[in-house]
């Protein structure tokens, strides 16, 4: 079965697809969906959803892990992130993908073993878990893979009550 992990962002949305087979997780795909900051919100959301739709069609995941919203002091940023997450979840649900949400704390706890790990620690542990190198990859991608890994580990090990 395939699992897609998503680190939502209006400028950069990280995406990672993992294959879960015999309790082993392997990476099939990872990338960043970038949008043009000069375009209006609906066009940017369309870019994210269109590219996500292409990824869903190619890899046909059964499950999705989407990073939950973190607290933000900037209200406008929080609203834009909310729009982005909503569009992403609607796209996933329209394809019949079962969606789970995880907080950054839950992801870090599952992947690193420590809920206050920094982004570099998460990236390194994602590399170790998946046996791949992410040296020149943005944190958006390693966070998305971490999110997918969190769900994969939970599906095989039952860390959370899904």
N, C-alpha and C. Protein backbone atom coordinates (compact mmCIF):
# COMPACT_ATOMS: atom_id res chain seq x y z
N UNK A 1 0.84 -1.17 0.00
CA UNK A 1 0.00 0.00 0.00
C UNK A 1 0.89 1.24 0.00
N UNK A 2 0.40 2.32 -0.59
CA UNK A 2 1.13 3.57 -0.66
C UNK A 2 0.54 4.60 0.30
N UNK A 3 1.44 5.41 0.88
CA UNK A 3 1.07 6.46 1.81
C UNK A 3 1.67 7.75 1.30
N UNK A 4 0.87 8.81 1.25
CA UNK A 4 1.39 10.12 0.87
C UNK A 4 1.44 11.01 2.11
N UNK A 5 2.56 11.68 2.27
CA UNK A 5 2.73 12.64 3.35
C UNK A 5 2.81 14.03 2.77
N UNK A 6 2.15 14.98 3.44
CA UNK A 6 2.11 16.34 2.92
C UNK A 6 2.41 17.34 4.02
N UNK A 7 3.36 18.23 3.73
CA UNK A 7 3.67 19.36 4.59
C UNK A 7 3.11 20.59 3.87
N UNK A 8 1.90 21.02 4.25
CA UNK A 8 1.23 22.08 3.48
C UNK A 8 1.87 23.45 3.66
N UNK A 9 1.92 24.18 2.56
CA UNK A 9 2.38 25.56 2.57
C UNK A 9 1.94 26.21 1.27
N UNK A 10 1.57 27.46 1.34
CA UNK A 10 1.09 28.13 0.13
C UNK A 10 2.25 28.37 -0.85
N UNK A 11 3.42 28.70 -0.35
CA UNK A 11 4.57 28.91 -1.23
C UNK A 11 5.20 27.58 -1.65
N UNK A 12 5.40 26.71 -0.67
CA UNK A 12 6.04 25.42 -0.90
C UNK A 12 5.27 24.34 -0.14
N UNK A 13 4.75 23.38 -0.86
CA UNK A 13 4.10 22.23 -0.24
C UNK A 13 5.00 21.02 -0.46
N UNK A 14 5.46 20.45 0.65
CA UNK A 14 6.29 19.26 0.56
C UNK A 14 5.42 18.03 0.37
N UNK A 15 5.87 17.12 -0.49
CA UNK A 15 5.13 15.88 -0.76
C UNK A 15 6.11 14.72 -0.76
N UNK A 16 5.69 13.63 -0.11
CA UNK A 16 6.48 12.41 -0.12
C UNK A 16 5.55 11.21 -0.20
N UNK A 17 5.92 10.23 -1.00
CA UNK A 17 5.11 9.01 -1.13
C UNK A 17 5.96 7.83 -0.70
N UNK A 18 5.40 7.04 0.22
CA UNK A 18 6.07 5.84 0.71
C UNK A 18 5.27 4.61 0.35
N UNK A 19 5.98 3.52 0.15
CA UNK A 19 5.34 2.21 -0.07
C UNK A 19 5.52 1.42 1.22
N UNK A 20 4.42 0.89 1.73
CA UNK A 20 4.45 0.03 2.91
C UNK A 20 4.18 -1.39 2.45
N UNK A 21 5.19 -2.23 2.62
CA UNK A 21 5.06 -3.63 2.21
C UNK A 21 5.80 -4.50 3.21
N UNK A 22 5.11 -5.46 3.79
CA UNK A 22 5.70 -6.36 4.79
C UNK A 22 6.37 -5.58 5.93
N UNK A 23 5.68 -4.55 6.41
CA UNK A 23 6.16 -3.70 7.51
C UNK A 23 7.45 -2.95 7.17
N UNK A 24 7.77 -2.86 5.88
CA UNK A 24 8.94 -2.11 5.43
C UNK A 24 8.46 -0.90 4.64
N UNK A 25 9.04 0.27 4.96
CA UNK A 25 8.69 1.51 4.27
C UNK A 25 9.82 1.91 3.33
N UNK A 26 9.47 2.18 2.06
CA UNK A 26 10.44 2.65 1.10
C UNK A 26 9.89 3.90 0.41
N UNK A 27 10.79 4.78 0.04
CA UNK A 27 10.39 6.03 -0.60
C UNK A 27 10.21 5.83 -2.11
N UNK A 28 9.04 6.22 -2.61
CA UNK A 28 8.76 6.15 -4.04
C UNK A 28 8.94 7.50 -4.73
N UNK A 29 8.69 8.59 -3.97
CA UNK A 29 8.67 9.92 -4.60
C UNK A 29 8.80 10.98 -3.51
N UNK A 30 9.49 12.04 -3.83
CA UNK A 30 9.49 13.24 -2.96
C UNK A 30 9.81 14.47 -3.79
N UNK A 31 9.13 15.56 -3.45
CA UNK A 31 9.32 16.80 -4.19
C UNK A 31 8.61 17.94 -3.46
N UNK A 32 8.79 19.14 -4.00
CA UNK A 32 8.09 20.32 -3.49
C UNK A 32 7.20 20.86 -4.59
N UNK A 33 5.97 21.17 -4.24
CA UNK A 33 5.07 21.88 -5.15
C UNK A 33 5.22 23.36 -4.83
N UNK A 34 5.72 24.11 -5.80
CA UNK A 34 5.94 25.54 -5.60
C UNK A 34 4.85 26.33 -6.32
N UNK A 35 4.47 27.46 -5.71
CA UNK A 35 3.51 28.35 -6.37
C UNK A 35 4.14 29.71 -6.59
N UNK A 36 3.60 30.45 -7.54
CA UNK A 36 4.08 31.78 -7.88
C UNK A 36 3.43 32.80 -6.94
N UNK A 37 4.24 33.43 -6.10
CA UNK A 37 3.72 34.38 -5.11
C UNK A 37 3.08 35.61 -5.74
N UNK A 38 3.30 35.83 -7.03
CA UNK A 38 2.70 36.98 -7.71
C UNK A 38 1.26 36.70 -8.14
N UNK A 39 0.88 35.43 -8.11
CA UNK A 39 -0.48 35.06 -8.53
C UNK A 39 -1.45 35.15 -7.37
N UNK A 40 -2.73 35.20 -7.71
CA UNK A 40 -3.78 35.29 -6.68
C UNK A 40 -3.98 33.93 -6.02
N UNK A 41 -4.58 33.97 -4.84
CA UNK A 41 -4.78 32.77 -4.04
C UNK A 41 -5.46 31.64 -4.81
N UNK A 42 -6.58 31.87 -5.51
CA UNK A 42 -7.22 30.75 -6.22
C UNK A 42 -6.30 30.07 -7.25
N UNK A 43 -5.47 30.87 -7.94
CA UNK A 43 -4.55 30.30 -8.93
C UNK A 43 -3.47 29.46 -8.24
N UNK A 44 -3.01 29.94 -7.09
CA UNK A 44 -1.97 29.22 -6.35
C UNK A 44 -2.52 27.90 -5.81
N UNK A 45 -3.73 27.94 -5.29
CA UNK A 45 -4.37 26.71 -4.79
C UNK A 45 -4.61 25.73 -5.93
N UNK A 46 -4.97 26.26 -7.09
CA UNK A 46 -5.17 25.41 -8.26
C UNK A 46 -3.87 24.72 -8.66
N UNK A 47 -2.76 25.43 -8.59
CA UNK A 47 -1.45 24.84 -8.89
C UNK A 47 -1.17 23.67 -7.95
N UNK A 48 -1.37 23.90 -6.65
CA UNK A 48 -1.12 22.85 -5.65
C UNK A 48 -2.02 21.64 -5.92
N UNK A 49 -3.30 21.89 -6.09
CA UNK A 49 -4.26 20.79 -6.28
C UNK A 49 -4.03 20.04 -7.58
N UNK A 50 -3.71 20.76 -8.63
CA UNK A 50 -3.46 20.13 -9.92
C UNK A 50 -2.24 19.21 -9.87
N UNK A 51 -1.15 19.72 -9.29
CA UNK A 51 0.07 18.91 -9.20
C UNK A 51 -0.12 17.75 -8.23
N UNK A 52 -0.85 18.00 -7.14
CA UNK A 52 -1.14 16.93 -6.20
C UNK A 52 -1.99 15.85 -6.86
N UNK A 53 -2.95 16.27 -7.65
CA UNK A 53 -3.81 15.34 -8.38
C UNK A 53 -2.98 14.43 -9.30
N UNK A 54 -1.98 15.02 -9.97
CA UNK A 54 -1.09 14.23 -10.83
C UNK A 54 -0.33 13.17 -10.02
N UNK A 55 0.15 13.56 -8.84
CA UNK A 55 0.89 12.64 -7.98
C UNK A 55 -0.04 11.53 -7.49
N UNK A 56 -1.26 11.90 -7.12
CA UNK A 56 -2.24 10.90 -6.66
C UNK A 56 -2.58 9.91 -7.76
N UNK A 57 -2.70 10.40 -8.97
CA UNK A 57 -3.00 9.53 -10.11
C UNK A 57 -1.86 8.55 -10.37
N UNK A 58 -0.62 9.05 -10.27
CA UNK A 58 0.53 8.19 -10.54
C UNK A 58 0.78 7.15 -9.46
N UNK A 59 0.65 7.54 -8.18
CA UNK A 59 1.04 6.64 -7.09
C UNK A 59 -0.13 5.99 -6.36
N UNK A 60 -1.32 6.48 -6.57
CA UNK A 60 -2.54 5.89 -6.03
C UNK A 60 -2.45 5.49 -4.55
N UNK A 61 -2.15 6.46 -3.67
CA UNK A 61 -2.05 6.12 -2.25
C UNK A 61 -3.42 5.83 -1.64
N UNK A 62 -3.43 4.92 -0.67
CA UNK A 62 -4.64 4.62 0.08
C UNK A 62 -4.81 5.56 1.25
N UNK A 63 -3.67 6.00 1.82
CA UNK A 63 -3.67 6.82 3.01
C UNK A 63 -2.87 8.10 2.79
N UNK A 64 -3.27 9.14 3.51
CA UNK A 64 -2.53 10.40 3.48
C UNK A 64 -2.32 10.88 4.91
N UNK A 65 -1.15 11.44 5.14
CA UNK A 65 -0.81 12.07 6.41
C UNK A 65 -0.53 13.54 6.11
N UNK A 66 -1.32 14.42 6.71
CA UNK A 66 -1.16 15.86 6.49
C UNK A 66 -0.76 16.49 7.81
N UNK A 67 0.30 17.29 7.76
CA UNK A 67 0.72 17.96 9.00
C UNK A 67 -0.34 18.97 9.41
N UNK A 68 -0.67 18.94 10.69
CA UNK A 68 -1.68 19.81 11.26
C UNK A 68 -1.13 21.23 11.42
N UNK A 69 -2.04 22.18 11.54
CA UNK A 69 -1.68 23.59 11.69
C UNK A 69 -0.99 23.81 13.02
N UNK A 70 0.06 24.61 12.97
CA UNK A 70 0.71 25.02 14.20
C UNK A 70 0.16 26.40 14.57
N UNK A 71 0.33 26.78 15.81
CA UNK A 71 -0.13 28.09 16.25
C UNK A 71 0.68 29.17 15.56
N UNK A 72 -0.01 30.18 15.05
CA UNK A 72 0.67 31.27 14.36
C UNK A 72 0.21 32.61 14.92
N UNK A 73 1.15 33.50 15.15
CA UNK A 73 0.83 34.84 15.64
C UNK A 73 0.23 35.66 14.50
N UNK A 74 0.70 35.41 13.27
CA UNK A 74 0.24 36.15 12.11
C UNK A 74 -1.08 35.55 11.60
N UNK A 75 -2.16 36.26 11.79
CA UNK A 75 -3.49 35.77 11.43
C UNK A 75 -3.61 35.53 9.93
N UNK A 76 -3.07 36.45 9.13
CA UNK A 76 -3.18 36.29 7.67
C UNK A 76 -2.47 35.01 7.22
N UNK A 77 -1.28 34.74 7.76
CA UNK A 77 -0.56 33.52 7.40
C UNK A 77 -1.34 32.28 7.81
N UNK A 78 -1.94 32.33 8.99
CA UNK A 78 -2.73 31.18 9.46
C UNK A 78 -3.93 30.94 8.56
N UNK A 79 -4.58 32.00 8.11
CA UNK A 79 -5.73 31.85 7.21
C UNK A 79 -5.30 31.27 5.86
N UNK A 80 -4.20 31.75 5.32
CA UNK A 80 -3.70 31.23 4.04
C UNK A 80 -3.33 29.75 4.16
N UNK A 81 -2.71 29.39 5.29
CA UNK A 81 -2.37 27.99 5.51
C UNK A 81 -3.64 27.15 5.63
N UNK A 82 -4.67 27.70 6.28
CA UNK A 82 -5.95 27.01 6.39
C UNK A 82 -6.58 26.76 5.02
N UNK A 83 -6.53 27.77 4.16
CA UNK A 83 -7.04 27.60 2.79
C UNK A 83 -6.27 26.49 2.07
N UNK A 84 -4.96 26.51 2.23
CA UNK A 84 -4.10 25.53 1.56
C UNK A 84 -4.40 24.12 2.05
N UNK A 85 -4.48 23.96 3.36
CA UNK A 85 -4.78 22.64 3.92
C UNK A 85 -6.16 22.15 3.47
N UNK A 86 -7.14 23.05 3.46
CA UNK A 86 -8.48 22.67 3.02
C UNK A 86 -8.51 22.20 1.58
N UNK A 87 -7.81 22.93 0.72
CA UNK A 87 -7.76 22.54 -0.70
C UNK A 87 -7.05 21.20 -0.87
N UNK A 88 -5.98 20.99 -0.11
CA UNK A 88 -5.24 19.72 -0.18
C UNK A 88 -6.13 18.57 0.29
N UNK A 89 -6.79 18.76 1.42
CA UNK A 89 -7.64 17.68 1.95
C UNK A 89 -8.82 17.38 1.03
N UNK A 90 -9.39 18.41 0.43
CA UNK A 90 -10.50 18.19 -0.51
C UNK A 90 -10.01 17.39 -1.72
N UNK A 91 -8.82 17.69 -2.18
CA UNK A 91 -8.25 16.95 -3.31
C UNK A 91 -8.02 15.49 -2.94
N UNK A 92 -7.45 15.27 -1.76
CA UNK A 92 -7.21 13.89 -1.30
C UNK A 92 -8.52 13.12 -1.16
N UNK A 93 -9.50 13.73 -0.51
CA UNK A 93 -10.78 13.06 -0.28
C UNK A 93 -11.52 12.79 -1.59
N UNK A 94 -11.37 13.68 -2.56
CA UNK A 94 -12.05 13.48 -3.85
C UNK A 94 -11.50 12.26 -4.59
N UNK A 95 -10.30 11.84 -4.23
CA UNK A 95 -9.68 10.65 -4.83
C UNK A 95 -9.88 9.40 -3.97
N UNK A 96 -10.64 9.53 -2.88
CA UNK A 96 -10.91 8.39 -2.03
C UNK A 96 -9.78 8.02 -1.09
N UNK A 97 -8.86 8.96 -0.85
CA UNK A 97 -7.73 8.71 0.04
C UNK A 97 -8.17 8.97 1.48
N UNK A 98 -7.84 8.06 2.38
CA UNK A 98 -8.17 8.23 3.79
C UNK A 98 -7.14 9.17 4.41
N UNK A 99 -7.62 10.26 5.01
CA UNK A 99 -6.74 11.33 5.49
C UNK A 99 -6.58 11.28 7.01
N UNK A 100 -5.33 11.36 7.46
CA UNK A 100 -4.99 11.49 8.87
C UNK A 100 -4.22 12.78 9.05
N UNK A 101 -4.38 13.40 10.21
CA UNK A 101 -3.64 14.61 10.53
C UNK A 101 -2.76 14.34 11.74
N UNK A 102 -1.54 14.85 11.67
CA UNK A 102 -0.61 14.71 12.78
C UNK A 102 0.00 16.07 13.10
N UNK A 103 0.16 16.35 14.38
CA UNK A 103 0.84 17.57 14.78
C UNK A 103 2.34 17.37 14.59
N UNK A 104 3.07 18.48 14.58
CA UNK A 104 4.53 18.40 14.47
C UNK A 104 5.09 17.60 15.65
N UNK A 105 4.52 17.75 16.82
CA UNK A 105 4.96 17.02 18.00
C UNK A 105 4.80 15.51 17.82
N UNK A 106 3.66 15.09 17.29
CA UNK A 106 3.43 13.66 17.05
C UNK A 106 4.40 13.10 16.01
N UNK A 107 4.63 13.87 14.95
CA UNK A 107 5.54 13.43 13.89
C UNK A 107 6.96 13.27 14.45
N UNK A 108 7.41 14.28 15.17
CA UNK A 108 8.76 14.23 15.74
C UNK A 108 8.91 13.08 16.73
N UNK A 109 7.88 12.87 17.53
CA UNK A 109 7.91 11.78 18.53
C UNK A 109 8.01 10.43 17.82
N UNK A 110 7.26 10.24 16.74
CA UNK A 110 7.28 8.97 16.00
C UNK A 110 8.59 8.76 15.26
N UNK A 111 9.07 9.80 14.60
CA UNK A 111 10.22 9.67 13.70
C UNK A 111 11.55 9.75 14.45
N UNK A 112 11.64 10.68 15.40
CA UNK A 112 12.89 10.93 16.11
C UNK A 112 12.89 10.30 17.51
N UNK A 113 11.70 10.21 18.11
CA UNK A 113 11.62 9.72 19.49
C UNK A 113 11.61 10.85 20.49
N UNK A 114 11.64 12.09 19.98
CA UNK A 114 11.69 13.28 20.83
C UNK A 114 10.81 14.35 20.21
N UNK A 115 9.77 14.79 20.91
CA UNK A 115 8.79 15.71 20.37
C UNK A 115 9.27 17.12 20.09
N UNK A 116 10.45 17.47 20.62
CA UNK A 116 10.96 18.83 20.39
C UNK A 116 12.20 18.83 19.49
N UNK A 117 12.33 17.79 18.69
CA UNK A 117 13.46 17.69 17.76
C UNK A 117 13.41 18.84 16.75
N UNK A 118 14.57 19.27 16.27
CA UNK A 118 14.58 20.33 15.25
C UNK A 118 14.48 19.71 13.86
N UNK A 119 14.33 20.56 12.86
CA UNK A 119 14.11 20.10 11.49
C UNK A 119 15.27 19.25 10.97
N UNK A 120 16.48 19.59 11.35
CA UNK A 120 17.64 18.83 10.90
C UNK A 120 17.64 17.42 11.49
N UNK A 121 17.24 17.30 12.75
CA UNK A 121 17.15 15.98 13.38
C UNK A 121 16.08 15.13 12.69
N UNK A 122 14.95 15.75 12.36
CA UNK A 122 13.88 15.03 11.66
C UNK A 122 14.40 14.56 10.30
N UNK A 123 15.07 15.45 9.59
CA UNK A 123 15.61 15.11 8.27
C UNK A 123 16.56 13.92 8.35
N UNK A 124 17.46 13.93 9.31
CA UNK A 124 18.45 12.85 9.46
C UNK A 124 17.77 11.52 9.82
N UNK A 125 16.76 11.57 10.68
CA UNK A 125 16.07 10.34 11.06
C UNK A 125 15.23 9.80 9.90
N UNK A 126 14.64 10.70 9.10
CA UNK A 126 13.92 10.27 7.90
C UNK A 126 14.89 9.54 6.98
N UNK A 127 16.08 10.10 6.82
CA UNK A 127 17.10 9.44 5.99
C UNK A 127 17.43 8.04 6.51
N UNK A 128 17.59 7.93 7.82
CA UNK A 128 17.93 6.63 8.42
C UNK A 128 16.79 5.62 8.27
N UNK A 129 15.57 6.06 8.56
CA UNK A 129 14.42 5.17 8.46
C UNK A 129 14.21 4.67 7.03
N UNK A 130 14.41 5.56 6.06
CA UNK A 130 14.09 5.24 4.67
C UNK A 130 15.32 4.89 3.84
N UNK A 131 16.51 4.93 4.45
CA UNK A 131 17.75 4.60 3.77
C UNK A 131 17.93 5.41 2.48
N UNK A 132 17.86 6.74 2.63
CA UNK A 132 18.09 7.62 1.49
C UNK A 132 18.80 8.88 1.94
N UNK A 133 19.35 9.61 1.00
CA UNK A 133 20.06 10.85 1.28
C UNK A 133 19.21 12.04 0.85
N UNK A 134 19.08 13.01 1.74
CA UNK A 134 18.28 14.21 1.46
C UNK A 134 19.12 15.47 1.63
N UNK A 135 20.41 15.40 1.30
CA UNK A 135 21.32 16.51 1.54
C UNK A 135 20.86 17.84 0.94
N UNK A 136 20.42 17.84 -0.30
CA UNK A 136 20.07 19.10 -0.97
C UNK A 136 18.56 19.29 -1.08
N UNK A 137 17.83 18.64 -0.20
CA UNK A 137 16.38 18.68 -0.23
C UNK A 137 15.87 19.65 0.82
N UNK A 138 14.84 20.42 0.46
CA UNK A 138 14.26 21.38 1.40
C UNK A 138 13.60 20.66 2.57
N UNK A 139 13.51 21.38 3.68
CA UNK A 139 12.85 20.82 4.86
C UNK A 139 11.38 20.51 4.58
N UNK A 140 10.77 21.20 3.63
CA UNK A 140 9.37 20.91 3.28
C UNK A 140 9.23 19.44 2.85
N UNK A 141 10.22 18.95 2.13
CA UNK A 141 10.19 17.57 1.64
C UNK A 141 10.47 16.59 2.78
N UNK A 142 11.51 16.86 3.58
CA UNK A 142 11.81 15.94 4.68
C UNK A 142 10.68 15.94 5.70
N UNK A 143 10.01 17.08 5.89
CA UNK A 143 8.85 17.12 6.79
C UNK A 143 7.69 16.31 6.23
N UNK A 144 7.49 16.37 4.92
CA UNK A 144 6.41 15.58 4.29
C UNK A 144 6.71 14.08 4.41
N UNK A 145 7.97 13.71 4.17
CA UNK A 145 8.36 12.31 4.32
C UNK A 145 8.23 11.87 5.78
N UNK A 146 8.57 12.77 6.70
CA UNK A 146 8.41 12.49 8.12
C UNK A 146 6.95 12.26 8.48
N UNK A 147 6.08 13.05 7.89
CA UNK A 147 4.64 12.91 8.12
C UNK A 147 4.15 11.56 7.60
N UNK A 148 4.57 11.18 6.40
CA UNK A 148 4.19 9.88 5.84
C UNK A 148 4.78 8.75 6.67
N UNK A 149 6.01 8.94 7.11
CA UNK A 149 6.68 7.94 7.94
C UNK A 149 5.94 7.77 9.26
N UNK A 150 5.49 8.87 9.85
CA UNK A 150 4.72 8.82 11.09
C UNK A 150 3.49 7.94 10.91
N UNK A 151 2.76 8.14 9.83
CA UNK A 151 1.57 7.32 9.58
C UNK A 151 1.97 5.86 9.32
N UNK A 152 3.00 5.65 8.53
CA UNK A 152 3.45 4.29 8.25
C UNK A 152 3.87 3.55 9.51
N UNK A 153 4.63 4.23 10.37
CA UNK A 153 5.04 3.62 11.63
C UNK A 153 3.84 3.32 12.51
N UNK A 154 2.85 4.19 12.47
CA UNK A 154 1.65 3.98 13.27
C UNK A 154 0.78 2.87 12.72
N UNK A 155 0.74 2.72 11.41
CA UNK A 155 -0.03 1.63 10.82
C UNK A 155 0.61 0.28 11.15
N UNK A 156 1.92 0.25 11.25
CA UNK A 156 2.60 -1.02 11.53
C UNK A 156 2.81 -1.26 13.02
N UNK A 157 2.98 -0.18 13.79
CA UNK A 157 3.30 -0.35 15.21
C UNK A 157 2.25 0.11 16.19
N UNK A 158 1.23 0.83 15.69
CA UNK A 158 0.14 1.25 16.55
C UNK A 158 0.50 2.26 17.62
N UNK A 159 1.32 3.28 17.29
CA UNK A 159 1.70 4.28 18.26
C UNK A 159 0.52 5.14 18.72
N UNK A 160 -0.37 5.48 17.80
CA UNK A 160 -1.51 6.32 18.12
C UNK A 160 -2.79 5.56 17.86
N UNK A 161 -3.88 6.04 18.41
CA UNK A 161 -5.19 5.47 18.15
C UNK A 161 -5.73 6.09 16.86
N UNK A 162 -5.48 5.43 15.74
CA UNK A 162 -5.93 5.95 14.45
C UNK A 162 -7.37 5.58 14.25
